[in-house]
N, C-alpha and C. Protein backbone atom coordinates (compact mmCIF):
# COMPACT_ATOMS: atom_id res chain seq x y z
N UNK A 1 133.35 112.19 9.40
CA UNK A 1 133.43 112.34 7.93
C UNK A 1 133.61 110.96 7.31
N UNK A 2 132.80 110.64 6.32
CA UNK A 2 132.82 109.31 5.71
C UNK A 2 134.04 109.14 4.81
N UNK A 3 134.52 107.92 4.70
CA UNK A 3 135.65 107.59 3.85
C UNK A 3 135.24 107.68 2.38
N UNK A 4 136.15 108.13 1.54
CA UNK A 4 135.85 108.25 0.11
C UNK A 4 136.91 107.53 -0.72
N UNK A 5 136.55 107.26 -1.96
CA UNK A 5 137.45 106.65 -2.94
C UNK A 5 137.45 107.53 -4.18
N UNK A 6 138.62 107.77 -4.74
CA UNK A 6 138.72 108.52 -5.99
C UNK A 6 138.57 107.53 -7.15
N UNK A 7 137.69 107.86 -8.06
CA UNK A 7 137.37 106.97 -9.18
C UNK A 7 137.45 107.78 -10.49
N UNK A 8 137.70 107.08 -11.57
CA UNK A 8 137.71 107.73 -12.89
C UNK A 8 136.77 106.98 -13.84
N UNK A 9 136.20 107.72 -14.78
CA UNK A 9 135.49 107.13 -15.91
C UNK A 9 136.25 107.49 -17.18
N UNK A 10 136.43 106.52 -18.04
CA UNK A 10 137.16 106.70 -19.28
C UNK A 10 136.21 106.75 -20.47
N UNK A 11 136.54 107.59 -21.44
CA UNK A 11 135.72 107.73 -22.65
C UNK A 11 136.65 107.73 -23.86
N UNK A 12 136.34 106.86 -24.82
CA UNK A 12 137.23 106.57 -25.93
C UNK A 12 136.80 107.28 -27.21
N UNK A 13 137.77 107.89 -27.88
CA UNK A 13 137.54 108.51 -29.18
C UNK A 13 138.58 107.96 -30.15
N UNK A 14 138.12 107.39 -31.25
CA UNK A 14 139.03 106.93 -32.30
C UNK A 14 138.36 107.16 -33.64
N UNK A 15 138.82 108.16 -34.36
CA UNK A 15 138.19 108.54 -35.62
C UNK A 15 138.70 107.70 -36.79
N UNK A 16 139.60 106.76 -36.51
CA UNK A 16 140.16 105.94 -37.58
C UNK A 16 139.43 104.61 -37.74
N UNK A 17 138.98 104.01 -36.63
CA UNK A 17 138.31 102.72 -36.69
C UNK A 17 136.87 102.88 -37.14
N UNK A 18 136.45 102.10 -38.11
CA UNK A 18 135.12 102.21 -38.69
C UNK A 18 134.02 101.99 -37.66
N UNK A 19 134.13 100.95 -36.83
CA UNK A 19 133.08 100.67 -35.85
C UNK A 19 132.91 101.83 -34.88
N UNK A 20 134.01 102.41 -34.42
CA UNK A 20 133.92 103.53 -33.50
C UNK A 20 133.28 104.74 -34.16
N UNK A 21 133.60 104.97 -35.42
CA UNK A 21 132.99 106.09 -36.15
C UNK A 21 131.50 105.87 -36.31
N UNK A 22 131.11 104.63 -36.60
CA UNK A 22 129.69 104.33 -36.80
C UNK A 22 128.90 104.50 -35.51
N UNK A 23 129.45 104.01 -34.38
CA UNK A 23 128.74 104.15 -33.11
C UNK A 23 128.61 105.63 -32.74
N UNK A 24 129.70 106.37 -32.87
CA UNK A 24 129.65 107.79 -32.53
C UNK A 24 128.68 108.55 -33.43
N UNK A 25 128.70 108.23 -34.74
CA UNK A 25 127.82 108.92 -35.68
C UNK A 25 126.36 108.54 -35.48
N UNK A 26 126.10 107.26 -35.26
CA UNK A 26 124.71 106.80 -35.12
C UNK A 26 124.04 107.37 -33.88
N UNK A 27 124.83 107.65 -32.86
CA UNK A 27 124.24 108.16 -31.62
C UNK A 27 124.23 109.68 -31.56
N UNK A 28 124.76 110.36 -32.58
CA UNK A 28 124.83 111.81 -32.54
C UNK A 28 123.47 112.50 -32.59
N UNK A 29 122.51 112.09 -33.45
CA UNK A 29 121.26 112.85 -33.55
C UNK A 29 120.55 113.06 -32.22
N UNK A 30 120.59 112.06 -31.34
CA UNK A 30 119.93 112.19 -30.05
C UNK A 30 120.88 112.69 -28.97
N UNK A 31 122.10 113.03 -29.38
CA UNK A 31 123.12 113.42 -28.41
C UNK A 31 123.91 114.64 -28.87
N UNK A 32 123.20 115.66 -29.33
CA UNK A 32 123.86 116.88 -29.76
C UNK A 32 124.53 117.55 -28.57
N UNK A 33 125.56 118.32 -28.85
CA UNK A 33 126.39 118.98 -27.83
C UNK A 33 127.07 117.95 -26.93
N UNK A 34 127.59 116.90 -27.54
CA UNK A 34 128.36 115.90 -26.83
C UNK A 34 129.68 115.67 -27.55
N UNK A 35 130.60 114.98 -26.90
CA UNK A 35 131.86 114.61 -27.54
C UNK A 35 131.66 113.30 -28.31
N UNK A 36 132.37 113.09 -29.41
CA UNK A 36 132.15 111.90 -30.25
C UNK A 36 132.79 110.64 -29.68
N UNK A 37 132.44 110.30 -28.45
CA UNK A 37 132.99 109.09 -27.84
C UNK A 37 132.17 107.87 -28.25
N UNK A 38 132.83 106.73 -28.33
CA UNK A 38 132.15 105.51 -28.77
C UNK A 38 132.28 104.37 -27.77
N UNK A 39 133.02 104.58 -26.69
CA UNK A 39 133.23 103.51 -25.71
C UNK A 39 133.53 104.14 -24.35
N UNK A 40 133.22 103.42 -23.28
CA UNK A 40 133.45 103.94 -21.93
C UNK A 40 133.81 102.82 -20.96
N UNK A 41 134.60 103.14 -19.95
CA UNK A 41 135.01 102.18 -18.93
C UNK A 41 135.10 102.88 -17.57
N UNK A 42 134.96 102.11 -16.50
CA UNK A 42 135.23 102.59 -15.15
C UNK A 42 136.68 102.24 -14.82
N UNK A 43 137.43 103.23 -14.32
CA UNK A 43 138.84 103.04 -14.00
C UNK A 43 139.00 103.07 -12.48
N UNK A 44 139.30 101.92 -11.92
CA UNK A 44 139.51 101.77 -10.48
C UNK A 44 141.00 101.94 -10.16
N UNK A 45 141.39 102.74 -9.14
CA UNK A 45 142.81 102.90 -8.83
C UNK A 45 143.40 101.63 -8.23
N UNK A 46 144.72 101.60 -8.09
CA UNK A 46 145.36 100.46 -7.45
C UNK A 46 145.17 100.53 -5.94
N UNK A 47 145.74 99.60 -5.20
CA UNK A 47 145.51 99.51 -3.76
C UNK A 47 146.04 100.72 -3.01
N UNK A 48 146.93 101.49 -3.65
CA UNK A 48 147.47 102.70 -3.04
C UNK A 48 146.70 103.94 -3.45
N UNK A 49 145.63 103.74 -4.22
CA UNK A 49 144.82 104.86 -4.68
C UNK A 49 145.41 105.60 -5.88
N UNK A 50 146.35 104.98 -6.57
CA UNK A 50 147.04 105.62 -7.69
C UNK A 50 146.50 105.16 -9.04
N UNK A 51 146.48 106.08 -9.99
CA UNK A 51 146.10 105.76 -11.36
C UNK A 51 147.32 105.71 -12.28
N UNK A 52 148.32 106.52 -11.96
CA UNK A 52 149.48 106.67 -12.83
C UNK A 52 150.77 106.59 -12.01
N UNK A 53 151.74 105.86 -12.54
CA UNK A 53 153.07 105.80 -11.94
C UNK A 53 154.06 106.39 -12.92
N UNK A 54 154.88 107.33 -12.44
CA UNK A 54 155.90 107.93 -13.28
C UNK A 54 157.16 107.09 -13.20
N UNK A 55 157.61 106.61 -14.33
CA UNK A 55 158.74 105.68 -14.33
C UNK A 55 160.01 106.29 -14.93
N UNK A 56 160.05 107.62 -15.12
CA UNK A 56 161.24 108.25 -15.68
C UNK A 56 161.95 109.07 -14.59
N UNK A 57 163.20 109.42 -14.83
CA UNK A 57 163.95 110.32 -13.95
C UNK A 57 164.06 111.67 -14.65
N UNK A 58 163.40 112.72 -14.11
CA UNK A 58 163.42 114.03 -14.80
C UNK A 58 164.84 114.55 -15.00
N UNK A 59 165.08 115.17 -16.15
CA UNK A 59 166.36 115.80 -16.41
C UNK A 59 166.26 117.29 -16.07
N UNK A 60 167.36 117.91 -15.77
CA UNK A 60 167.36 119.32 -15.41
C UNK A 60 166.75 120.15 -16.54
N UNK A 61 165.76 120.95 -16.20
CA UNK A 61 165.13 121.83 -17.18
C UNK A 61 164.22 121.11 -18.15
N UNK A 62 163.99 119.83 -17.93
CA UNK A 62 163.18 119.03 -18.87
C UNK A 62 161.70 119.17 -18.52
N UNK A 63 161.09 120.30 -18.89
CA UNK A 63 159.69 120.59 -18.60
C UNK A 63 159.03 121.09 -19.89
N UNK A 64 158.04 120.40 -20.47
CA UNK A 64 157.55 119.10 -20.00
C UNK A 64 158.59 118.01 -20.21
N UNK A 65 158.52 116.93 -19.48
CA UNK A 65 159.57 115.91 -19.56
C UNK A 65 159.66 115.27 -20.93
N UNK A 66 160.85 114.93 -21.31
CA UNK A 66 161.05 114.18 -22.54
C UNK A 66 160.83 112.70 -22.24
N UNK A 67 160.00 112.03 -23.04
CA UNK A 67 159.69 110.62 -22.81
C UNK A 67 159.19 110.41 -21.38
N UNK A 68 157.95 110.84 -21.09
CA UNK A 68 157.46 110.83 -19.70
C UNK A 68 157.46 109.48 -19.03
N UNK A 69 157.35 108.37 -19.77
CA UNK A 69 157.43 107.06 -19.16
C UNK A 69 156.36 106.83 -18.11
N UNK A 70 155.11 106.95 -18.48
CA UNK A 70 154.01 106.76 -17.55
C UNK A 70 153.51 105.32 -17.59
N UNK A 71 153.21 104.79 -16.42
CA UNK A 71 152.63 103.45 -16.32
C UNK A 71 151.25 103.59 -15.70
N UNK A 72 150.23 103.10 -16.38
CA UNK A 72 148.86 103.22 -15.88
C UNK A 72 148.56 102.07 -14.92
N UNK A 73 148.07 102.43 -13.74
CA UNK A 73 147.83 101.48 -12.67
C UNK A 73 146.33 101.22 -12.50
N UNK A 74 145.99 100.25 -11.67
CA UNK A 74 144.59 99.95 -11.39
C UNK A 74 143.97 99.05 -12.44
N UNK A 75 142.62 99.01 -12.42
CA UNK A 75 141.88 98.12 -13.32
C UNK A 75 140.72 98.85 -13.98
N UNK A 76 140.32 98.36 -15.15
CA UNK A 76 139.22 98.96 -15.91
C UNK A 76 138.09 97.94 -16.07
N UNK A 77 136.87 98.42 -15.89
CA UNK A 77 135.66 97.58 -15.96
C UNK A 77 134.78 98.07 -17.11
N UNK A 78 134.27 97.13 -17.93
CA UNK A 78 133.40 97.51 -19.03
C UNK A 78 132.81 96.27 -19.68
N UNK A 79 132.10 96.48 -20.79
CA UNK A 79 131.71 95.39 -21.68
C UNK A 79 132.28 95.73 -23.05
N UNK A 80 132.94 94.77 -23.68
CA UNK A 80 133.70 95.07 -24.89
C UNK A 80 133.84 93.85 -25.78
N UNK A 81 134.33 94.09 -26.99
CA UNK A 81 134.70 92.99 -27.90
C UNK A 81 136.15 93.18 -28.35
N UNK A 82 136.90 93.97 -27.60
CA UNK A 82 138.26 94.29 -27.99
C UNK A 82 139.21 93.11 -27.77
N UNK A 83 140.00 92.80 -28.77
CA UNK A 83 140.98 91.73 -28.64
C UNK A 83 140.32 90.40 -28.34
N UNK A 84 140.86 89.72 -27.33
CA UNK A 84 140.30 88.44 -26.91
C UNK A 84 139.13 88.59 -25.96
N UNK A 85 138.88 89.82 -25.49
CA UNK A 85 137.79 90.05 -24.54
C UNK A 85 136.45 90.03 -25.26
N UNK A 86 135.46 89.46 -24.62
CA UNK A 86 134.12 89.42 -25.19
C UNK A 86 133.10 89.51 -24.07
N UNK A 87 132.51 90.70 -23.93
CA UNK A 87 131.48 90.86 -22.92
C UNK A 87 131.96 91.66 -21.72
N UNK A 88 131.35 91.40 -20.57
CA UNK A 88 131.61 92.16 -19.35
C UNK A 88 132.90 91.66 -18.71
N UNK A 89 133.88 92.55 -18.61
CA UNK A 89 135.22 92.15 -18.19
C UNK A 89 135.84 93.18 -17.25
N UNK A 90 136.89 92.76 -16.55
CA UNK A 90 137.76 93.66 -15.80
C UNK A 90 139.19 93.33 -16.21
N UNK A 91 139.97 94.38 -16.55
CA UNK A 91 141.32 94.17 -17.09
C UNK A 91 142.28 95.20 -16.50
N UNK A 92 143.59 94.92 -16.50
CA UNK A 92 144.56 95.92 -16.04
C UNK A 92 144.48 97.18 -16.88
N UNK A 93 144.57 98.34 -16.24
CA UNK A 93 144.52 99.61 -16.97
C UNK A 93 145.66 99.71 -17.97
N UNK A 94 146.82 99.13 -17.64
CA UNK A 94 147.96 99.18 -18.54
C UNK A 94 147.68 98.46 -19.86
N UNK A 95 146.79 97.47 -19.81
CA UNK A 95 146.41 96.74 -21.01
C UNK A 95 145.40 97.52 -21.84
N UNK A 96 144.48 98.21 -21.17
CA UNK A 96 143.42 98.95 -21.85
C UNK A 96 143.96 100.23 -22.47
N UNK A 97 144.82 100.94 -21.75
CA UNK A 97 145.26 102.28 -22.15
C UNK A 97 146.56 102.24 -22.94
N UNK A 98 146.62 101.38 -23.95
CA UNK A 98 147.84 101.27 -24.76
C UNK A 98 147.97 102.41 -25.75
N UNK A 99 146.87 103.16 -25.99
CA UNK A 99 146.91 104.36 -26.82
C UNK A 99 146.25 105.50 -26.06
N UNK A 100 146.94 106.08 -25.09
CA UNK A 100 146.33 107.11 -24.23
C UNK A 100 145.85 108.34 -24.97
N UNK A 101 146.38 108.57 -26.17
CA UNK A 101 145.95 109.73 -26.94
C UNK A 101 144.50 109.64 -27.38
N UNK A 102 143.90 108.45 -27.30
CA UNK A 102 142.51 108.26 -27.72
C UNK A 102 141.50 108.33 -26.57
N UNK A 103 141.97 108.65 -25.37
CA UNK A 103 141.08 108.58 -24.20
C UNK A 103 140.87 109.93 -23.53
N UNK A 104 139.64 110.13 -23.07
CA UNK A 104 139.28 111.24 -22.18
C UNK A 104 138.89 110.63 -20.84
N UNK A 105 138.93 111.45 -19.78
CA UNK A 105 138.54 110.90 -18.48
C UNK A 105 137.97 111.98 -17.56
N UNK A 106 137.21 111.52 -16.58
CA UNK A 106 136.77 112.35 -15.46
C UNK A 106 137.28 111.71 -14.18
N UNK A 107 137.47 112.52 -13.15
CA UNK A 107 137.94 112.01 -11.85
C UNK A 107 137.17 112.69 -10.74
N UNK A 108 136.67 111.91 -9.79
CA UNK A 108 135.89 112.46 -8.69
C UNK A 108 135.87 111.47 -7.53
N UNK A 109 135.38 111.91 -6.40
CA UNK A 109 135.31 111.06 -5.21
C UNK A 109 133.90 110.51 -5.03
N UNK A 110 133.83 109.28 -4.50
CA UNK A 110 132.56 108.65 -4.16
C UNK A 110 132.69 108.06 -2.76
N UNK A 111 131.57 107.84 -2.12
CA UNK A 111 131.57 107.22 -0.80
C UNK A 111 132.16 105.81 -0.89
N UNK A 112 133.09 105.49 0.01
CA UNK A 112 133.78 104.20 -0.05
C UNK A 112 132.83 103.02 0.09
N UNK A 113 131.80 103.18 0.92
CA UNK A 113 130.84 102.08 1.10
C UNK A 113 130.12 101.78 -0.20
N UNK A 114 129.62 102.83 -0.86
CA UNK A 114 128.88 102.62 -2.10
C UNK A 114 129.80 102.20 -3.24
N UNK A 115 131.06 102.59 -3.17
CA UNK A 115 132.03 102.08 -4.15
C UNK A 115 132.18 100.57 -4.00
N UNK A 116 132.28 100.09 -2.78
CA UNK A 116 132.43 98.65 -2.56
C UNK A 116 131.19 97.89 -3.02
N UNK A 117 130.02 98.48 -2.79
CA UNK A 117 128.78 97.85 -3.26
C UNK A 117 128.77 97.77 -4.79
N UNK A 118 129.14 98.88 -5.45
CA UNK A 118 129.16 98.91 -6.92
C UNK A 118 130.16 97.91 -7.47
N UNK A 119 131.32 97.82 -6.83
CA UNK A 119 132.36 96.89 -7.29
C UNK A 119 131.91 95.44 -7.12
N UNK A 120 131.26 95.14 -5.99
CA UNK A 120 130.77 93.79 -5.76
C UNK A 120 129.74 93.40 -6.81
N UNK A 121 128.82 94.31 -7.14
CA UNK A 121 127.81 94.02 -8.15
C UNK A 121 128.44 93.89 -9.53
N UNK A 122 129.45 94.70 -9.80
CA UNK A 122 130.13 94.62 -11.10
C UNK A 122 130.86 93.28 -11.23
N UNK A 123 131.45 92.82 -10.14
CA UNK A 123 132.16 91.54 -10.17
C UNK A 123 131.19 90.39 -10.47
N UNK A 124 129.98 90.47 -9.92
CA UNK A 124 128.96 89.46 -10.21
C UNK A 124 128.65 89.44 -11.70
N UNK A 125 128.54 90.62 -12.30
CA UNK A 125 128.24 90.69 -13.73
C UNK A 125 129.40 90.16 -14.57
N UNK A 126 130.63 90.40 -14.11
CA UNK A 126 131.79 89.84 -14.80
C UNK A 126 131.79 88.32 -14.69
N UNK A 127 131.51 87.81 -13.50
CA UNK A 127 131.51 86.36 -13.29
C UNK A 127 130.42 85.67 -14.11
N UNK A 128 129.32 86.38 -14.34
CA UNK A 128 128.20 85.82 -15.09
C UNK A 128 128.24 86.20 -16.57
N UNK A 129 129.35 86.72 -17.02
CA UNK A 129 129.48 87.24 -18.38
C UNK A 129 128.99 86.24 -19.43
N UNK A 130 128.10 86.72 -20.29
CA UNK A 130 127.58 85.89 -21.38
C UNK A 130 127.92 86.48 -22.75
N UNK A 131 128.81 87.47 -22.75
CA UNK A 131 129.20 88.07 -24.02
C UNK A 131 128.67 89.49 -24.17
N UNK A 132 129.12 90.15 -25.20
CA UNK A 132 128.73 91.53 -25.49
C UNK A 132 127.33 91.57 -26.08
N UNK A 133 126.56 92.58 -25.72
CA UNK A 133 125.17 92.65 -26.19
C UNK A 133 125.04 93.55 -27.42
N UNK A 134 125.07 92.94 -28.60
CA UNK A 134 124.87 93.73 -29.82
C UNK A 134 123.43 94.21 -29.93
N UNK A 135 122.48 93.43 -29.40
CA UNK A 135 121.07 93.83 -29.47
C UNK A 135 120.82 95.11 -28.68
N UNK A 136 121.52 95.26 -27.56
CA UNK A 136 121.27 96.42 -26.71
C UNK A 136 121.80 97.72 -27.30
N UNK A 137 122.53 97.65 -28.41
CA UNK A 137 122.90 98.88 -29.09
C UNK A 137 121.66 99.63 -29.56
N UNK A 138 120.55 98.89 -29.71
CA UNK A 138 119.28 99.53 -30.07
C UNK A 138 118.78 100.50 -29.02
N UNK A 139 119.31 100.41 -27.80
CA UNK A 139 118.90 101.33 -26.74
C UNK A 139 119.29 102.77 -27.05
N UNK A 140 120.26 102.93 -27.95
CA UNK A 140 120.68 104.28 -28.32
C UNK A 140 119.59 105.01 -29.11
N UNK A 141 118.78 104.25 -29.83
CA UNK A 141 117.80 104.87 -30.72
C UNK A 141 116.36 104.50 -30.39
N UNK A 142 116.16 103.56 -29.46
CA UNK A 142 114.81 103.16 -29.07
C UNK A 142 114.66 103.23 -27.56
N UNK A 143 113.51 103.67 -27.05
CA UNK A 143 113.31 103.68 -25.60
C UNK A 143 113.31 102.26 -25.04
N UNK A 144 113.76 102.14 -23.79
CA UNK A 144 113.88 100.82 -23.18
C UNK A 144 112.55 100.08 -23.12
N UNK A 145 111.45 100.82 -22.85
CA UNK A 145 110.15 100.16 -22.74
C UNK A 145 109.76 99.50 -24.07
N UNK A 146 110.15 100.14 -25.19
CA UNK A 146 109.82 99.58 -26.50
C UNK A 146 110.69 98.35 -26.77
N UNK A 147 111.97 98.42 -26.39
CA UNK A 147 112.84 97.27 -26.56
C UNK A 147 112.32 96.07 -25.79
N UNK A 148 111.89 96.30 -24.55
CA UNK A 148 111.38 95.20 -23.75
C UNK A 148 110.04 94.70 -24.29
N UNK A 149 109.21 95.63 -24.74
CA UNK A 149 107.90 95.24 -25.25
C UNK A 149 107.99 94.41 -26.51
N UNK A 150 109.02 94.66 -27.31
CA UNK A 150 109.19 93.91 -28.55
C UNK A 150 110.09 92.69 -28.36
N UNK A 151 110.63 92.53 -27.15
CA UNK A 151 111.50 91.40 -26.87
C UNK A 151 112.91 91.57 -27.39
N UNK A 152 113.27 92.78 -27.81
CA UNK A 152 114.59 93.03 -28.35
C UNK A 152 115.64 93.28 -27.27
N UNK A 153 115.20 93.69 -26.08
CA UNK A 153 116.15 93.98 -25.01
C UNK A 153 116.87 92.70 -24.58
N UNK A 154 118.15 92.83 -24.34
CA UNK A 154 119.00 91.68 -23.98
C UNK A 154 119.36 91.81 -22.50
N UNK A 155 118.65 91.10 -21.65
CA UNK A 155 118.87 91.23 -20.21
C UNK A 155 120.04 90.41 -19.70
N UNK A 156 120.57 89.52 -20.52
CA UNK A 156 121.66 88.66 -20.07
C UNK A 156 123.04 89.17 -20.42
N UNK A 157 123.11 90.23 -21.23
CA UNK A 157 124.39 90.78 -21.65
C UNK A 157 124.38 92.29 -21.48
N UNK A 158 125.56 92.90 -21.62
CA UNK A 158 125.68 94.35 -21.44
C UNK A 158 126.40 94.99 -22.61
N UNK A 159 126.15 96.29 -22.79
CA UNK A 159 126.97 97.15 -23.62
C UNK A 159 127.81 98.00 -22.67
N UNK A 160 128.84 98.67 -23.19
CA UNK A 160 129.77 99.38 -22.32
C UNK A 160 129.10 100.45 -21.47
N UNK A 161 128.25 101.28 -22.09
CA UNK A 161 127.64 102.37 -21.33
C UNK A 161 126.62 101.85 -20.33
N UNK A 162 126.05 100.68 -20.59
CA UNK A 162 125.15 100.06 -19.62
C UNK A 162 125.92 99.66 -18.37
N UNK A 163 127.10 99.06 -18.56
CA UNK A 163 127.91 98.63 -17.42
C UNK A 163 128.39 99.83 -16.60
N UNK A 164 128.91 100.86 -17.28
CA UNK A 164 129.43 102.02 -16.57
C UNK A 164 128.31 102.80 -15.90
N UNK A 165 127.17 102.94 -16.57
CA UNK A 165 126.03 103.63 -15.98
C UNK A 165 125.57 102.94 -14.70
N UNK A 166 125.61 101.60 -14.69
CA UNK A 166 125.20 100.87 -13.50
C UNK A 166 126.16 101.12 -12.34
N UNK A 167 127.45 101.20 -12.63
CA UNK A 167 128.42 101.60 -11.61
C UNK A 167 128.03 102.96 -11.01
N UNK A 168 127.73 103.92 -11.87
CA UNK A 168 127.43 105.28 -11.41
C UNK A 168 126.13 105.33 -10.62
N UNK A 169 125.16 104.52 -11.01
CA UNK A 169 123.91 104.42 -10.25
C UNK A 169 124.20 103.80 -8.89
N UNK A 170 124.95 102.71 -8.86
CA UNK A 170 125.24 102.01 -7.61
C UNK A 170 126.09 102.86 -6.67
N UNK A 171 126.91 103.76 -7.20
CA UNK A 171 127.74 104.63 -6.37
C UNK A 171 127.02 105.90 -5.95
N UNK A 172 125.75 106.05 -6.39
CA UNK A 172 124.97 107.22 -6.02
C UNK A 172 125.28 108.46 -6.82
N UNK A 173 125.94 108.31 -7.98
CA UNK A 173 126.30 109.46 -8.81
C UNK A 173 125.16 109.84 -9.75
N UNK A 174 124.52 108.84 -10.35
CA UNK A 174 123.41 109.07 -11.28
C UNK A 174 122.15 108.39 -10.79
N UNK A 175 120.99 108.94 -11.10
CA UNK A 175 119.73 108.26 -10.78
C UNK A 175 119.51 107.10 -11.73
N UNK A 176 118.71 106.15 -11.32
CA UNK A 176 118.39 105.02 -12.18
C UNK A 176 117.55 105.50 -13.35
N UNK A 177 117.97 105.18 -14.55
CA UNK A 177 117.22 105.59 -15.74
C UNK A 177 117.51 104.64 -16.88
N UNK A 178 117.09 104.99 -18.07
CA UNK A 178 117.38 104.16 -19.23
C UNK A 178 118.86 104.25 -19.56
N UNK A 179 119.34 103.31 -20.35
CA UNK A 179 120.76 103.25 -20.65
C UNK A 179 121.15 104.30 -21.68
N UNK A 180 122.05 105.23 -21.34
CA UNK A 180 122.45 106.25 -22.30
C UNK A 180 123.53 105.73 -23.24
N UNK A 181 123.74 106.44 -24.33
CA UNK A 181 124.87 106.14 -25.20
C UNK A 181 126.14 106.61 -24.52
N UNK A 182 127.33 106.16 -24.98
CA UNK A 182 128.57 106.67 -24.40
C UNK A 182 128.66 108.20 -24.48
N UNK A 183 128.15 108.77 -25.58
CA UNK A 183 128.21 110.23 -25.74
C UNK A 183 127.42 110.93 -24.64
N UNK A 184 126.19 110.49 -24.41
CA UNK A 184 125.36 111.15 -23.41
C UNK A 184 125.84 110.84 -22.00
N UNK A 185 126.32 109.62 -21.78
CA UNK A 185 126.82 109.27 -20.46
C UNK A 185 128.01 110.14 -20.09
N UNK A 186 128.85 110.44 -21.04
CA UNK A 186 129.99 111.31 -20.80
C UNK A 186 129.53 112.67 -20.28
N UNK A 187 128.57 113.27 -20.94
CA UNK A 187 128.06 114.57 -20.53
C UNK A 187 127.36 114.48 -19.17
N UNK A 188 126.55 113.45 -18.97
CA UNK A 188 125.85 113.27 -17.71
C UNK A 188 126.83 113.15 -16.54
N UNK A 189 127.92 112.43 -16.76
CA UNK A 189 128.89 112.21 -15.70
C UNK A 189 129.58 113.51 -15.30
N UNK A 190 129.97 114.30 -16.28
CA UNK A 190 130.60 115.59 -15.99
C UNK A 190 129.66 116.49 -15.19
N UNK A 191 128.42 116.61 -15.63
CA UNK A 191 127.47 117.50 -14.96
C UNK A 191 127.09 116.98 -13.57
N UNK A 192 127.01 115.66 -13.40
CA UNK A 192 126.62 115.09 -12.11
C UNK A 192 127.74 115.17 -11.08
N UNK A 193 128.99 115.06 -11.53
CA UNK A 193 130.11 115.03 -10.59
C UNK A 193 130.81 116.38 -10.44
N UNK A 194 130.61 117.27 -11.40
CA UNK A 194 131.33 118.54 -11.37
C UNK A 194 132.81 118.35 -11.68
N UNK A 195 133.12 117.24 -12.35
CA UNK A 195 134.50 116.93 -12.71
C UNK A 195 134.73 117.26 -14.17
N UNK A 196 135.71 118.10 -14.49
CA UNK A 196 135.99 118.41 -15.90
C UNK A 196 136.35 117.16 -16.69
N UNK A 197 136.09 117.21 -17.97
CA UNK A 197 136.49 116.15 -18.89
C UNK A 197 137.87 116.51 -19.43
N UNK A 198 138.84 115.59 -19.26
CA UNK A 198 140.22 115.88 -19.61
C UNK A 198 140.76 114.85 -20.61
N UNK A 199 141.76 115.28 -21.37
CA UNK A 199 142.51 114.36 -22.23
C UNK A 199 143.49 113.60 -21.36
N UNK A 200 143.53 112.28 -21.51
CA UNK A 200 144.42 111.47 -20.68
C UNK A 200 145.89 111.75 -21.00
N UNK A 201 146.20 112.01 -22.26
CA UNK A 201 147.58 112.12 -22.69
C UNK A 201 148.29 113.31 -22.07
N UNK A 202 147.56 114.41 -21.80
CA UNK A 202 148.22 115.61 -21.28
C UNK A 202 147.40 116.38 -20.24
N UNK A 203 146.25 115.81 -19.83
CA UNK A 203 145.39 116.42 -18.81
C UNK A 203 144.75 117.75 -19.25
N UNK A 204 144.77 118.04 -20.54
CA UNK A 204 144.10 119.24 -21.04
C UNK A 204 142.59 119.12 -20.83
N UNK A 205 141.95 120.20 -20.35
CA UNK A 205 140.50 120.20 -20.15
C UNK A 205 139.79 120.34 -21.51
N UNK A 206 138.91 119.39 -21.80
CA UNK A 206 138.11 119.41 -23.03
C UNK A 206 136.76 120.08 -22.77
N UNK A 207 136.17 119.78 -21.60
CA UNK A 207 134.93 120.40 -21.15
C UNK A 207 135.07 120.69 -19.67
N UNK A 208 134.59 121.88 -19.23
CA UNK A 208 134.68 122.19 -17.81
C UNK A 208 133.52 121.54 -17.06
N UNK A 209 133.40 121.79 -15.78
CA UNK A 209 132.38 121.13 -14.96
C UNK A 209 130.96 121.47 -15.37
N UNK A 210 130.80 122.56 -16.13
CA UNK A 210 129.48 122.96 -16.66
C UNK A 210 129.28 122.56 -18.11
N UNK A 211 130.16 121.70 -18.59
CA UNK A 211 130.13 121.22 -19.99
C UNK A 211 130.39 122.32 -21.01
N UNK A 212 131.17 123.32 -20.63
CA UNK A 212 131.56 124.37 -21.54
C UNK A 212 132.97 124.11 -22.05
N UNK A 213 133.20 124.39 -23.31
CA UNK A 213 134.54 124.25 -23.88
C UNK A 213 135.41 125.41 -23.41
N UNK A 214 136.68 125.16 -23.11
CA UNK A 214 137.58 126.22 -22.65
C UNK A 214 137.72 127.33 -23.67
């Protein structure tokens, strides 16, 4: 039996920030029956295979716990313009998930060999980072062949869903195809892995493995 690694994909929803609302809204017409996510990241566990560390001492009868005191472990990979980050980056999950109420996630297993291959290729893209690709946002509304034919495609930079999609292709989860929007990638990931989409803050299922709402 081959060795496996548990991996998560993160999907961000923030209805307050204008840019996130614009990205989610602009990609909706071609992505009906999707969640209004505007950003995505790959969440790699720590060396012990953990994503979350509980840092509180439960009190008697305290269910659910008061002040759960969760610490997010591991690292997150994406392309972003958040804070001081610009482009293809890898950062501590504790830094990325400072507002867990805004995140959804999927969790599933992948072959350890292909995980290492995907991580190695992702590290190369991080090392060669040239910044975030604003031009590639056009991939949400234009086919890739047209972007390349018109010279609009940006081959030296990435958008978030491009980076995460490449991880999923390299890990054997998704077939090689054009770059989806975060909304469509979220749905594709759930259907391809059979992993429900959950709220990070409380693990509530938002979509089941068949993309049905509870």
